[in-house]
Amino acid sequence: MPDSLRATLTTTVGHPARAIQCPHCRALPGKPCVLRTNGRALPEPHHTRITAWEQENAA
């Protein structure tokens, strides 16, 4: 595996919305959103978390 691809896969650059608690699944700040049915972590935050973050950081 090329080093550039390996770095992309191992880097955990999260969405800035992870800075707040998710109003949908109640994931804590800094933690990924999870499915409520089985607890599996999601690669992207819930839409409601992104919206809440945008409202909190609106200028």
PDB file of N, CA and C in Angstrom:
ATOM      1  N   MET A   1       0.848  -1.177   0.000  1.00  0.00           N
ATOM      2  CA  MET A   1       0.000   0.000   0.000  1.00  0.00           C
ATOM      3  C   MET A   1       0.892   1.239   0.000  1.00  0.00           C
ATOM      4  N   PRO A   2       0.587   2.200  -0.883  1.00  0.00           N
ATOM      5  CA  PRO A   2       1.395   3.427  -0.924  1.00  0.00           C
ATOM      6  C   PRO A   2       1.302   4.208   0.388  1.00  0.00           C
ATOM      7  N   ASP A   3       2.386   4.863   0.752  1.00  0.00           N
ATOM      8  CA  ASP A   3       2.418   5.636   1.997  1.00  0.00           C
ATOM      9  C   ASP A   3       1.365   6.737   2.017  1.00  0.00           C
ATOM     10  N   SER A   4       1.109   7.363   0.863  1.00  0.00           N
ATOM     11  CA  SER A   4       0.117   8.436   0.829  1.00  0.00           C
ATOM     12  C   SER A   4      -1.275   7.907   1.147  1.00  0.00           C
ATOM     13  N   LEU A   5      -1.607   6.718   0.660  1.00  0.00           N
ATOM     14  CA  LEU A   5      -2.905   6.122   0.939  1.00  0.00           C
ATOM     15  C   LEU A   5      -2.977   5.674   2.392  1.00  0.00           C
ATOM     16  N   ARG A   6      -1.909   5.107   2.892  1.00  0.00           N
ATOM     17  CA  ARG A   6      -1.876   4.668   4.289  1.00  0.00           C
ATOM     18  C   ARG A   6      -2.083   5.845   5.237  1.00  0.00           C
ATOM     19  N   ALA A   7      -1.473   6.983   4.931  1.00  0.00           N
ATOM     20  CA  ALA A   7      -1.623   8.168   5.776  1.00  0.00           C
ATOM     21  C   ALA A   7      -3.062   8.658   5.751  1.00  0.00           C
ATOM     22  N   THR A   8      -3.702   8.582   4.598  1.00  0.00           N
ATOM     23  CA  THR A   8      -5.093   9.020   4.485  1.00  0.00           C
ATOM     24  C   THR A   8      -6.007   8.122   5.313  1.00  0.00           C
ATOM     25  N   LEU A   9      -5.761   6.840   5.289  1.00  0.00           N
ATOM     26  CA  LEU A   9      -6.615   5.898   6.007  1.00  0.00           C
ATOM     27  C   LEU A   9      -6.416   5.949   7.516  1.00  0.00           C
ATOM     28  N   THR A  10      -5.227   6.284   7.975  1.00  0.00           N
ATOM     29  CA  THR A  10      -4.959   6.279   9.410  1.00  0.00           C
ATOM     30  C   THR A  10      -5.150   7.644  10.059  1.00  0.00           C
ATOM     31  N   THR A  11      -5.280   8.696   9.265  1.00  0.00           N
ATOM     32  CA  THR A  11      -5.494  10.031   9.810  1.00  0.00           C
ATOM     33  C   THR A  11      -6.954  10.180  10.207  1.00  0.00           C
ATOM     34  N   THR A  12      -7.180  10.611  11.423  1.00  0.00           N
ATOM     35  CA  THR A  12      -8.552  10.776  11.898  1.00  0.00           C
ATOM     36  C   THR A  12      -8.904  12.257  11.923  1.00  0.00           C
ATOM     37  N   VAL A  13      -9.021  12.828  10.736  1.00  0.00           N
ATOM     38  CA  VAL A  13      -9.430  14.220  10.625  1.00  0.00           C
ATOM     39  C   VAL A  13     -10.943  14.218  10.672  1.00  0.00           C
ATOM     40  N   GLY A  14     -11.487  14.685  11.766  1.00  0.00           N
ATOM     41  CA  GLY A  14     -12.929  14.666  11.924  1.00  0.00           C
ATOM     42  C   GLY A  14     -13.565  15.967  11.496  1.00  0.00           C
ATOM     43  N   HIS A  15     -14.835  15.912  11.333  1.00  0.00           N
ATOM     44  CA  HIS A  15     -15.620  17.089  10.996  1.00  0.00           C
ATOM     45  C   HIS A  15     -15.591  18.035  12.192  1.00  0.00           C
ATOM     46  N   PRO A  16     -15.524  19.327  11.968  1.00  0.00           N
ATOM     47  CA  PRO A  16     -15.493  20.260  13.101  1.00  0.00           C
ATOM     48  C   PRO A  16     -16.753  20.199  13.963  1.00  0.00           C
ATOM     49  N   ALA A  17     -17.825  19.621  13.437  1.00  0.00           N
ATOM     50  CA  ALA A  17     -19.052  19.494  14.221  1.00  0.00           C
ATOM     51  C   ALA A  17     -18.875  18.528  15.392  1.00  0.00           C
ATOM     52  N   ARG A  18     -17.826  17.734  15.361  1.00  0.00           N
ATOM     53  CA  ARG A  18     -17.571  16.820  16.483  1.00  0.00           C
ATOM     54  C   ARG A  18     -17.172  17.570  17.755  1.00  0.00           C
ATOM     55  N   ALA A  19     -17.027  18.866  17.660  1.00  0.00           N
ATOM     56  CA  ALA A  19     -16.657  19.668  18.831  1.00  0.00           C
ATOM     57  C   ALA A  19     -17.822  19.838  19.797  1.00  0.00           C
ATOM     58  N   ILE A  20     -19.047  19.499  19.357  1.00  0.00           N
ATOM     59  CA  ILE A  20     -20.210  19.631  20.235  1.00  0.00           C
ATOM     60  C   ILE A  20     -20.890  18.274  20.399  1.00  0.00           C
ATOM     61  N   GLN A  21     -21.750  18.166  21.398  1.00  0.00           N
ATOM     62  CA  GLN A  21     -22.488  16.926  21.611  1.00  0.00           C
ATOM     63  C   GLN A  21     -23.549  16.769  20.527  1.00  0.00           C
ATOM     64  N   CYS A  22     -23.736  15.547  20.046  1.00  0.00           N
ATOM     65  CA  CYS A  22     -24.729  15.293  19.007  1.00  0.00           C
ATOM     66  C   CYS A  22     -26.127  15.271  19.621  1.00  0.00           C
ATOM     67  N   PRO A  23     -27.047  16.105  19.112  1.00  0.00           N
ATOM     68  CA  PRO A  23     -28.404  16.102  19.649  1.00  0.00           C
ATOM     69  C   PRO A  23     -29.198  14.864  19.238  1.00  0.00           C
ATOM     70  N   HIS A  24     -28.722  14.119  18.247  1.00  0.00           N
ATOM     71  CA  HIS A  24     -29.445  12.939  17.769  1.00  0.00           C
ATOM     72  C   HIS A  24     -29.068  11.684  18.561  1.00  0.00           C
ATOM     73  N   CYS A  25     -27.765  11.379  18.608  1.00  0.00           N
ATOM     74  CA  CYS A  25     -27.330  10.143  19.267  1.00  0.00           C
ATOM     75  C   CYS A  25     -26.656  10.392  20.619  1.00  0.00           C
ATOM     76  N   ARG A  26     -26.504  11.663  20.987  1.00  0.00           N
ATOM     77  CA  ARG A  26     -25.891  12.061  22.263  1.00  0.00           C
ATOM     78  C   ARG A  26     -24.407  11.708  22.368  1.00  0.00           C
ATOM     79  N   ALA A  27     -23.723  11.589  21.218  1.00  0.00           N
ATOM     80  CA  ALA A  27     -22.284  11.347  21.234  1.00  0.00           C
ATOM     81  C   ALA A  27     -21.600  12.554  21.875  1.00  0.00           C
ATOM     82  N   LEU A  28     -20.657  12.302  22.732  1.00  0.00           N
ATOM     83  CA  LEU A  28     -19.949  13.369  23.438  1.00  0.00           C
ATOM     84  C   LEU A  28     -19.042  14.142  22.494  1.00  0.00           C
ATOM     85  N   PRO A  29     -18.715  15.387  22.851  1.00  0.00           N
ATOM     86  CA  PRO A  29     -17.794  16.167  22.022  1.00  0.00           C
ATOM     87  C   PRO A  29     -16.481  15.418  21.805  1.00  0.00           C
ATOM     88  N   GLY A  30     -16.017  15.423  20.573  1.00  0.00           N
ATOM     89  CA  GLY A  30     -14.785  14.739  20.226  1.00  0.00           C
ATOM     90  C   GLY A  30     -14.977  13.285  19.833  1.00  0.00           C
ATOM     91  N   LYS A  31     -16.140  12.735  20.098  1.00  0.00           N
ATOM     92  CA  LYS A  31     -16.427  11.337  19.770  1.00  0.00           C
ATOM     93  C   LYS A  31     -17.273  11.274  18.503  1.00  0.00           C
ATOM     94  N   PRO A  32     -17.149  10.200  17.723  1.00  0.00           N
ATOM     95  CA  PRO A  32     -17.966  10.096  16.510  1.00  0.00           C
ATOM     96  C   PRO A  32     -19.419   9.778  16.826  1.00  0.00           C
ATOM     97  N   CYS A  33     -20.295  10.150  15.921  1.00  0.00           N
ATOM     98  CA  CYS A  33     -21.703   9.784  16.049  1.00  0.00           C
ATOM     99  C   CYS A  33     -21.827   8.272  15.909  1.00  0.00           C
ATOM    100  N   VAL A  34     -22.858   7.727  16.527  1.00  0.00           N
ATOM    101  CA  VAL A  34     -23.071   6.282  16.488  1.00  0.00           C
ATOM    102  C   VAL A  34     -24.514   5.977  16.101  1.00  0.00           C
ATOM    103  N   LEU A  35     -24.711   4.773  15.587  1.00  0.00           N
ATOM    104  CA  LEU A  35     -26.062   4.301  15.326  1.00  0.00           C
ATOM    105  C   LEU A  35     -26.676   3.895  16.649  1.00  0.00           C
ATOM    106  N   ARG A  36     -27.881   4.353  16.910  1.00  0.00           N
ATOM    107  CA  ARG A  36     -28.523   4.037  18.183  1.00  0.00           C
ATOM    108  C   ARG A  36     -28.908   2.563  18.279  1.00  0.00           C
ATOM    109  N   THR A  37     -29.118   1.904  17.138  1.00  0.00           N
ATOM    110  CA  THR A  37     -29.552   0.512  17.175  1.00  0.00           C
ATOM    111  C   THR A  37     -28.448  -0.451  17.575  1.00  0.00           C
ATOM    112  N   ASN A  38     -27.218  -0.204  17.097  1.00  0.00           N
ATOM    113  CA  ASN A  38     -26.146  -1.159  17.400  1.00  0.00           C
ATOM    114  C   ASN A  38     -24.862  -0.505  17.911  1.00  0.00           C
ATOM    115  N   GLY A  39     -24.823   0.812  18.015  1.00  0.00           N
ATOM    116  CA  GLY A  39     -23.658   1.494  18.569  1.00  0.00           C
ATOM    117  C   GLY A  39     -22.473   1.608  17.622  1.00  0.00           C
ATOM    118  N   ARG A  40     -22.664   1.294  16.353  1.00  0.00           N
ATOM    119  CA  ARG A  40     -21.571   1.377  15.403  1.00  0.00           C
ATOM    120  C   ARG A  40     -21.252   2.841  15.099  1.00  0.00           C
ATOM    121  N   ALA A  41     -19.966   3.183  15.113  1.00  0.00           N
ATOM    122  CA  ALA A  41     -19.535   4.553  14.841  1.00  0.00           C
ATOM    123  C   ALA A  41     -19.741   4.894  13.373  1.00  0.00           C
ATOM    124  N   LEU A  42     -20.180   6.108  13.124  1.00  0.00           N
ATOM    125  CA  LEU A  42     -20.417   6.578  11.770  1.00  0.00           C
ATOM    126  C   LEU A  42     -19.213   7.373  11.275  1.00  0.00           C
ATOM    127  N   PRO A  43     -18.916   7.301   9.979  1.00  0.00           N
ATOM    128  CA  PRO A  43     -17.772   8.058   9.454  1.00  0.00           C
ATOM    129  C   PRO A  43     -18.019   9.563   9.426  1.00  0.00           C
ATOM    130  N   GLU A  44     -19.268   9.972   9.309  1.00  0.00           N
ATOM    131  CA  GLU A  44     -19.626  11.384   9.271  1.00  0.00           C
ATOM    132  C   GLU A  44     -20.634  11.677  10.381  1.00  0.00           C
ATOM    133  N   PRO A  45     -20.642  12.893  10.899  1.00  0.00           N
ATOM    134  CA  PRO A  45     -21.611  13.250  11.939  1.00  0.00           C
ATOM    135  C   PRO A  45     -23.037  13.256  11.401  1.00  0.00           C
ATOM    136  N   HIS A  46     -23.995  13.090  12.304  1.00  0.00           N
ATOM    137  CA  HIS A  46     -25.403  13.216  11.927  1.00  0.00           C
ATOM    138  C   HIS A  46     -25.657  14.632  11.417  1.00  0.00           C
ATOM    139  N   HIS A  47     -26.645  14.737  10.532  1.00  0.00           N
ATOM    140  CA  HIS A  47     -26.987  16.046   9.962  1.00  0.00           C
ATOM    141  C   HIS A  47     -27.401  17.032  11.059  1.00  0.00           C
ATOM    142  N   THR A  48     -28.105  16.543  12.067  1.00  0.00           N
ATOM    143  CA  THR A  48     -28.541  17.436  13.147  1.00  0.00           C
ATOM    144  C   THR A  48     -27.350  17.982  13.933  1.00  0.00           C
ATOM    145  N   ARG A  49     -26.290  17.207  14.053  1.00  0.00           N
ATOM    146  CA  ARG A  49     -25.085  17.667  14.749  1.00  0.00           C
ATOM    147  C   ARG A  49     -24.395  18.755  13.935  1.00  0.00           C
ATOM    148  N   ILE A  50     -24.335  18.553  12.632  1.00  0.00           N
ATOM    149  CA  ILE A  50     -23.719  19.551  11.757  1.00  0.00           C
ATOM    150  C   ILE A  50     -24.517  20.848  11.807  1.00  0.00           C
ATOM    151  N   THR A  51     -25.837  20.733  11.752  1.00  0.00           N
ATOM    152  CA  THR A  51     -26.698  21.907  11.802  1.00  0.00           C
ATOM    153  C   THR A  51     -26.539  22.653  13.125  1.00  0.00           C
ATOM    154  N   ALA A  52     -26.494  21.914  14.224  1.00  0.00           N
ATOM    155  CA  ALA A  52     -26.328  22.529  15.540  1.00  0.00           C
ATOM    156  C   ALA A  52     -24.976  23.242  15.637  1.00  0.00           C
ATOM    157  N   TRP A  53     -23.935  22.634  15.079  1.00  0.00           N
ATOM    158  CA  TRP A  53     -22.604  23.251  15.091  1.00  0.00           C
ATOM    159  C   TRP A  53     -22.603  24.524  14.253  1.00  0.00           C
ATOM    160  N   GLU A  54     -23.261  24.470  13.076  1.00  0.00           N
ATOM    161  CA  GLU A  54     -23.324  25.648  12.216  1.00  0.00           C
ATOM    162  C   GLU A  54     -24.062  26.795  12.921  1.00  0.00           C
ATOM    163  N   GLN A  55     -25.156  26.486  13.600  1.00  0.00           N
ATOM    164  CA  GLN A  55     -25.906  27.525  14.312  1.00  0.00           C
ATOM    165  C   GLN A  55     -25.098  28.116  15.453  1.00  0.00           C
ATOM    166  N   GLU A  56     -24.334  27.260  16.128  1.00  0.00           N
ATOM    167  CA  GLU A  56     -23.519  27.727  17.250  1.00  0.00           C
ATOM    168  C   GLU A  56     -22.369  28.621  16.780  1.00  0.00           C
ATOM    169  N   ASN A  57     -21.867  28.362  15.584  1.00  0.00           N
ATOM    170  CA  ASN A  57     -20.705  29.100  15.083  1.00  0.00           C
ATOM    171  C   ASN A  57     -21.043  30.129  14.020  1.00  0.00           C
ATOM    172  N   ALA A  58     -22.314  30.427  13.841  1.00  0.00           N
ATOM    173  CA  ALA A  58     -22.699  31.429  12.854  1.00  0.00           C
ATOM    174  C   ALA A  58     -22.216  32.812  13.308  1.00  0.00           C
ATOM    175  N   ALA A  59     -21.724  33.529  12.358  1.00  0.00           N
ATOM    176  CA  ALA A  59     -21.165  34.847  12.698  1.00  0.00           C
ATOM    177  C   ALA A  59     -22.212  35.920  12.600  1.00  0.00           C
TER     178      ALA A  59
END
